C-alpha cells in the first residue's frame, strides 16, 4: 500500500496544478511588444487611453496576447521535442508572465472542456511527477506524457481525469475526481486603471473563439477546487484501483484552445497526508494532439 501511495502522489499532484503602455503612436507599439518578450515581465501598468483611441488599443492589446500565445506554444513544443537553451527557457517564463498578466477571459466549454492537455513546463516547487519520472524516451522520440482532462458533467462542473506515464503506456497512472469553480473570484496583484472605461476591461483579451457570449466567459485568474475520488494503476494492461480521497486547488491564469497556464494557490490536502504538493507550482500545458496526434487513453 505504501508503494501505491507514493505513485499516487506523482499523479495526484498533477491534479492540483497545477507592461501595457499608453500608445503614443501605432508605429512604436509593435517595437515595444517585440522588446517585451525577451525581458522580464512581472507587472503591467494601468491602461490609459482617450475615447477616440479605445477601439485601436483594444485591438492592439488583443493582438499582443495572441502573439504571446503563438510564441509560447512554439517554444513549448520545441522544448518537448528537443533541448532548448537557457535563454529560450527564460523566454518561456517571460511569455507565461505576459499571458498571466493579461487577465484574459476564456470560454470553459472551448478552452477547459475537451482533450488531455499535457504539462510541458513548470516553475516553482518541484512537482511529484518529476521525482518519479525516469525520463524514458522511445524509439520514435516520444517522451512520457502527463496532464489533465476536464469534461463537462450534468451537474455543471467538470469530471477530472489526470494521466501520468512513467514508462509510456506500459506503466501509467490515472486519478479521477471532480472540479468545481469557486464562487469567489481569484485575485492577483496587478495594477489597473479602470476609471476611464470600466466596461472595457470585462471584454479585453477575448480568447474564447467564435460562438461564445460574454456571459459564458470566465475571467482569469479563476480558482477551482478539485475533489479526487480514486486512483488506477495500469501495469502491462492490468488495472489496479486504489480508493484514496483528497482535495486540491487549481487557479487558471490563462487559457485558450491550444494552451493553458495553471498554478497551485494553496497546499494540497489528502487522506493520510499522502500528497504534500506545495503552493506556487505553475504549469504550462499544451493540447495533446499538438504533441502526439495519435494519442489516446
Protein backbone atom coordinates (compact mmCIF):
# COMPACT_ATOMS: atom_id res chain seq x y z
CA UNK A 1 0.00 0.00 0.00
CA UNK A 2 2.86 2.32 0.81
CA UNK A 3 4.29 1.91 -2.67
CA UNK A 4 0.91 2.60 -4.23
CA UNK A 5 0.52 5.84 -2.31
CA UNK A 6 3.94 7.01 -3.44
CA UNK A 7 2.98 6.57 -7.07
CA UNK A 8 -0.39 8.16 -6.42
CA UNK A 9 1.42 11.23 -5.30
CA UNK A 10 3.09 11.54 -8.67
CA UNK A 11 -0.23 11.75 -10.45
CA UNK A 12 -2.39 13.35 -7.83
CA UNK A 13 -0.06 16.33 -7.66
CA UNK A 14 -0.82 16.96 -11.31
CA UNK A 15 -4.49 17.43 -10.43
CA UNK A 16 -3.60 20.44 -8.31
CA UNK A 17 -1.66 22.40 -10.88
CA UNK A 18 -1.45 22.59 -11.11
CA UNK A 19 3.53 46.35 -19.12
CA UNK A 20 0.86 47.88 -21.06
CA UNK A 21 1.89 51.39 -22.08
CA UNK A 22 -0.42 54.15 -23.38
CA UNK A 23 0.23 54.16 -27.15
CA UNK A 24 1.99 57.27 -28.36
CA UNK A 25 1.78 56.09 -31.96
CA UNK A 26 0.98 52.87 -33.74
CA UNK A 27 4.46 52.79 -35.24
CA UNK A 28 6.26 52.16 -31.93
CA UNK A 29 3.74 49.75 -30.35
CA UNK A 30 4.96 46.77 -32.36
CA UNK A 31 8.53 47.54 -31.36
CA UNK A 32 7.52 47.74 -27.68
CA UNK A 33 5.77 44.37 -27.99
CA UNK A 34 8.78 42.70 -29.60
CA UNK A 35 11.09 44.09 -26.96
CA UNK A 36 8.88 42.91 -24.12
CA UNK A 37 9.18 39.19 -24.77
CA UNK A 38 12.96 38.85 -24.22
CA UNK A 39 12.88 40.74 -20.90
CA UNK A 40 11.32 40.06 -17.52
CA UNK A 41 7.63 40.95 -17.42
CA UNK A 42 6.39 40.96 -13.86
CA UNK A 43 3.65 43.58 -13.69
CA UNK A 44 1.51 45.64 -16.05
CA UNK A 45 0.84 49.33 -15.73
CA UNK A 46 -2.67 50.77 -15.80
CA UNK A 47 -4.27 51.13 -19.22
CA UNK A 48 -4.87 54.79 -20.05
CA UNK A 49 -6.40 55.86 -23.36
CA UNK A 50 -8.62 58.53 -24.89
CA UNK A 51 -12.10 57.82 -26.20
CA UNK A 52 -11.08 58.07 -29.85
CA UNK A 53 -8.22 55.60 -29.26
CA UNK A 54 -10.15 52.98 -27.23
CA UNK A 55 -11.01 50.66 -30.13
CA UNK A 56 -7.48 50.79 -31.53
CA UNK A 57 -5.96 49.98 -28.15
CA UNK A 58 -8.32 47.06 -27.62
CA UNK A 59 -7.22 45.59 -30.93
CA UNK A 60 -3.55 46.20 -30.21
CA UNK A 61 -3.56 44.56 -26.79
CA UNK A 62 -5.57 41.57 -28.05
CA UNK A 63 -3.03 41.12 -30.85
CA UNK A 64 -0.26 41.20 -28.26
CA UNK A 65 -1.82 38.36 -26.28
CA UNK A 66 -2.35 36.32 -29.44
CA UNK A 67 1.28 36.83 -30.40
CA UNK A 68 2.48 35.81 -26.95
CA UNK A 69 0.33 32.66 -27.12
CA UNK A 70 1.73 31.76 -30.56
CA UNK A 71 5.32 32.29 -29.43
CA UNK A 72 4.86 30.36 -26.19
CA UNK A 73 3.27 27.41 -27.98
CA UNK A 74 6.17 27.27 -30.46
CA UNK A 75 8.78 27.30 -27.68
CA UNK A 76 6.95 24.70 -25.57
CA UNK A 77 6.73 22.27 -28.49
CA UNK A 78 10.38 22.87 -29.34
CA UNK A 79 11.36 22.22 -25.74
CA UNK A 80 9.39 18.96 -25.65
CA UNK A 81 10.95 17.66 -28.88
CA UNK A 82 14.50 18.89 -28.31
CA UNK A 83 16.69 20.58 -25.74
CA UNK A 84 16.12 24.31 -25.64
CA UNK A 85 18.73 26.77 -24.46
CA UNK A 86 18.66 28.55 -21.12
CA UNK A 87 17.76 31.75 -22.95
CA UNK A 88 14.76 30.05 -24.55
CA UNK A 89 13.59 28.76 -21.17
CA UNK A 90 13.77 32.35 -19.94
CA UNK A 91 11.65 33.42 -22.89
CA UNK A 92 9.09 30.75 -21.98
CA UNK A 93 8.76 32.16 -18.48
CA UNK A 94 8.56 35.72 -19.80
CA UNK A 95 5.77 34.77 -22.19
CA UNK A 96 3.93 32.94 -19.41
CA UNK A 97 4.10 36.16 -17.40
CA UNK A 98 2.76 38.19 -20.33
CA UNK A 99 -0.25 35.89 -20.66
CA UNK A 100 -0.82 35.73 -16.93
CA UNK A 101 -0.73 39.50 -16.59
CA UNK A 102 -3.23 39.94 -19.42
CA UNK A 103 -6.03 38.61 -17.17
CA UNK A 104 -7.70 37.21 -20.28
CA UNK A 105 -11.19 35.73 -20.38
CA UNK A 106 -11.86 32.24 -21.72
CA UNK A 107 -14.84 30.05 -22.56
CA UNK A 108 -14.68 26.90 -20.39
CA UNK A 109 -16.66 24.91 -22.98
CA UNK A 110 -13.96 25.55 -25.59
CA UNK A 111 -10.80 26.03 -23.54
CA UNK A 112 -11.22 23.79 -20.48
CA UNK A 113 -13.63 21.06 -21.54
CA UNK A 114 -12.12 18.64 -24.05
CA UNK A 115 -9.00 16.54 -24.62
CA UNK A 116 -5.98 15.98 -22.44
CA UNK A 117 -3.60 18.93 -22.07
CA UNK A 118 -0.04 17.81 -21.35
CA UNK A 119 2.27 19.62 -18.93
CA UNK A 120 5.38 20.76 -20.84
CA UNK A 121 6.93 23.33 -18.50
CA UNK A 122 6.75 24.16 -14.81
CA UNK A 123 8.19 26.66 -12.35
CA UNK A 124 8.13 26.79 -8.56
CA UNK A 125 8.28 23.80 -6.20
CA UNK A 126 9.30 20.53 -7.80
CA UNK A 127 6.20 18.56 -8.84
CA UNK A 128 5.95 14.97 -7.65
CA UNK A 129 5.70 13.54 -11.15
CA UNK A 130 9.23 14.83 -11.84
CA UNK A 131 10.67 12.94 -8.89
CA UNK A 132 9.46 9.58 -10.19
CA UNK A 133 9.80 10.12 -13.94
CA UNK A 134 12.88 8.24 -15.13
CA UNK A 135 12.97 10.28 -18.34
CA UNK A 136 12.42 7.43 -20.79
CA UNK A 137 12.29 8.28 -24.48
CA UNK A 138 11.03 5.76 -27.02
CA UNK A 139 12.30 4.88 -30.47
CA UNK A 140 10.01 7.40 -32.12
CA UNK A 141 11.35 10.10 -29.80
CA UNK A 142 8.12 10.33 -27.83
CA UNK A 143 8.54 11.12 -24.15
CA UNK A 144 6.30 10.29 -21.22
CA UNK A 145 3.14 12.38 -21.14
CA UNK A 146 1.49 13.80 -18.03
CA UNK A 147 -1.54 16.02 -18.00
CA UNK A 148 -5.18 16.68 -17.27
CA UNK A 149 -8.50 16.25 -18.99
CA UNK A 150 -11.59 18.22 -17.93
CA UNK A 151 -15.02 17.11 -19.17
CA UNK A 152 -18.37 18.82 -18.61
CA UNK A 153 -20.77 16.83 -16.45
CA UNK A 154 -24.52 17.03 -15.92
CA UNK A 155 -24.07 18.97 -12.65
CA UNK A 156 -22.44 21.85 -14.48
CA UNK A 157 -19.00 21.08 -13.09
CA UNK A 158 -16.14 19.08 -14.61
CA UNK A 159 -15.13 15.46 -14.34
CA UNK A 160 -11.36 15.48 -13.98
CA UNK A 161 -9.01 12.84 -15.29
CA UNK A 162 -5.30 13.03 -14.55
CA UNK A 163 -2.89 10.91 -16.51
CA UNK A 164 0.80 10.24 -15.92
CA UNK A 165 3.15 7.92 -17.79
CA UNK A 166 6.29 6.53 -16.21
CA UNK A 167 7.23 4.00 -18.90
CA UNK A 168 4.82 5.06 -21.58
CA UNK A 169 1.59 3.06 -21.52
CA UNK A 170 3.44 0.07 -20.10
CA UNK A 171 3.19 1.75 -16.69
CA UNK A 172 0.85 4.68 -16.21
CA UNK A 173 -1.40 6.09 -13.51
CA UNK A 174 -4.77 7.80 -13.62
CA UNK A 175 -6.63 9.76 -10.96
CA UNK A 176 -10.26 10.77 -11.27
CA UNK A 177 -12.36 13.34 -9.48
CA UNK A 178 -14.47 16.43 -9.91
CA UNK A 179 -13.53 20.05 -10.42
CA UNK A 180 -15.76 22.96 -9.44
CA UNK A 181 -15.23 26.66 -9.99
CA UNK A 182 -15.13 28.68 -6.78
CA UNK A 183 -17.78 31.36 -6.41
CA UNK A 184 -15.29 33.97 -5.21
CA UNK A 185 -13.18 35.48 -7.99
CA UNK A 186 -9.45 34.94 -7.60
CA UNK A 187 -7.21 37.99 -7.48
CA UNK A 188 -3.58 38.77 -8.22
CA UNK A 189 -1.61 41.90 -7.55
CA UNK A 190 -1.68 43.74 -10.88
CA UNK A 191 -2.16 47.49 -11.05
CA UNK A 192 -5.08 48.58 -13.23
CA UNK A 193 -6.72 51.87 -14.08
CA UNK A 194 -10.36 51.16 -14.90
CA UNK A 195 -11.81 54.60 -14.20
CA UNK A 196 -11.93 55.70 -17.82
CA UNK A 197 -13.54 52.63 -19.36
CA UNK A 198 -14.99 50.38 -16.62
CA UNK A 199 -16.76 48.13 -19.15
CA UNK A 200 -13.77 47.82 -21.47
CA UNK A 201 -11.85 45.50 -19.19
CA UNK A 202 -14.52 42.81 -19.00
CA UNK A 203 -14.18 42.37 -22.77
CA UNK A 204 -10.41 42.66 -23.16
CA UNK A 205 -8.42 39.70 -24.43
CA UNK A 206 -11.32 37.68 -25.84
CA UNK A 207 -9.67 34.29 -26.34
CA UNK A 208 -12.76 32.10 -26.29
CA UNK A 209 -13.30 31.99 -30.06
CA UNK A 210 -16.40 32.44 -32.16
CA UNK A 211 -19.76 31.29 -30.85
CA UNK A 212 -19.16 32.33 -27.23
CA UNK A 213 -21.06 35.05 -25.44
CA UNK A 214 -19.81 37.47 -22.81
CA UNK A 215 -21.91 35.70 -20.16
CA UNK A 216 -20.19 32.36 -20.86
CA UNK A 217 -16.68 33.72 -20.33
CA UNK A 218 -14.57 33.23 -17.21
CA UNK A 219 -12.04 35.92 -16.38
CA UNK A 220 -8.57 34.92 -15.26
CA UNK A 221 -7.36 34.37 -12.64
CA UNK A 222 -10.10 31.86 -11.77
CA UNK A 223 -9.98 29.46 -8.82
CA UNK A 224 -11.23 25.87 -8.85
CA UNK A 225 -11.44 23.21 -6.13
CA UNK A 226 -10.70 19.58 -7.00
CA UNK A 227 -12.05 16.56 -5.14
CA UNK A 228 -10.14 13.39 -6.03
CA UNK A 229 -12.16 10.18 -5.67
CA UNK A 230 -9.92 7.37 -6.90
CA UNK A 231 -6.70 6.22 -8.49
CA UNK A 232 -5.91 3.48 -11.00
CA UNK A 233 -2.50 1.98 -11.74
CA UNK A 234 -2.05 0.45 -15.19
CA UNK A 235 0.81 -2.04 -15.46
CA UNK A 236 1.13 -4.16 -18.60
CA UNK A 237 -2.60 -3.74 -19.29
CA UNK A 238 -3.51 -4.80 -15.75
CA UNK A 239 -5.57 -2.25 -13.80
CA UNK A 240 -5.31 -1.83 -10.02
CA UNK A 241 -7.77 0.54 -8.31
CA UNK A 242 -6.97 2.38 -5.08
CA UNK A 243 -9.56 4.31 -3.05
CA UNK A 244 -7.86 7.47 -1.80
CA UNK A 245 -9.59 10.81 -1.22
CA UNK A 246 -8.08 14.26 -1.45
CA UNK A 247 -8.65 17.96 -2.08
CA UNK A 248 -6.61 20.11 -4.40
CA UNK A 249 -6.71 23.66 -5.68
CA UNK A 250 -6.20 24.99 -9.18
CA UNK A 251 -6.00 28.60 -10.34
CA UNK A 252 -6.37 29.21 -14.07
CA UNK A 253 -4.04 32.02 -15.10
CA UNK A 254 -4.57 31.79 -18.85
CA UNK A 255 -6.47 29.52 -21.24
CA UNK A 256 -7.15 29.30 -24.94
CA UNK A 257 -7.91 26.41 -27.30
CA UNK A 258 -4.26 25.34 -27.55
CA UNK A 259 -2.57 26.00 -24.21
CA UNK A 260 -3.25 26.74 -20.57
CA UNK A 261 -1.30 28.14 -17.63
CA UNK A 262 -2.27 26.83 -14.19
CA UNK A 263 -0.92 27.35 -10.69
CA UNK A 264 -1.43 25.81 -7.26
CA UNK A 265 -2.66 28.62 -4.96
CA UNK A 266 -2.75 26.51 -1.76
CA UNK A 267 -1.09 23.38 -0.42
CA UNK A 268 -2.97 20.19 -1.18
CA UNK A 269 -4.72 18.06 1.42
CA UNK A 270 -5.30 14.30 1.29
CA UNK A 271 -6.15 11.32 3.46
CA UNK A 272 -3.06 10.06 5.24
CA UNK A 273 -1.17 13.18 4.12
CA UNK A 274 -0.10 11.23 1.06
CA UNK A 275 0.05 14.39 -1.04
CA UNK A 276 2.09 17.37 0.09
CA UNK A 277 2.14 19.44 -3.09
CA UNK A 278 3.13 22.98 -2.14
CA UNK A 279 1.60 26.22 -3.29
CA UNK A 280 3.41 28.04 -6.06
CA UNK A 281 3.80 25.29 -8.65
CA UNK A 282 2.92 26.83 -12.03
CA UNK A 283 2.49 24.71 -15.16
CA UNK A 284 2.11 25.41 -18.88
CA UNK A 285 0.02 22.78 -20.66
CA UNK A 286 -0.47 22.11 -24.38
CA UNK A 287 -3.33 20.23 -26.07
CA UNK A 288 -2.16 16.68 -26.56
CA UNK A 289 -2.95 16.34 -30.28
CA UNK A 290 -0.43 19.11 -30.97
CA UNK A 291 2.20 16.91 -29.29
CA UNK A 292 1.12 13.41 -30.35
CA UNK A 293 -1.71 13.27 -32.95
CA UNK A 294 -2.14 9.53 -32.28
CA UNK A 295 -2.51 9.77 -28.51
CA UNK A 296 -5.45 8.03 -26.87
CA UNK A 297 -6.12 6.70 -23.38
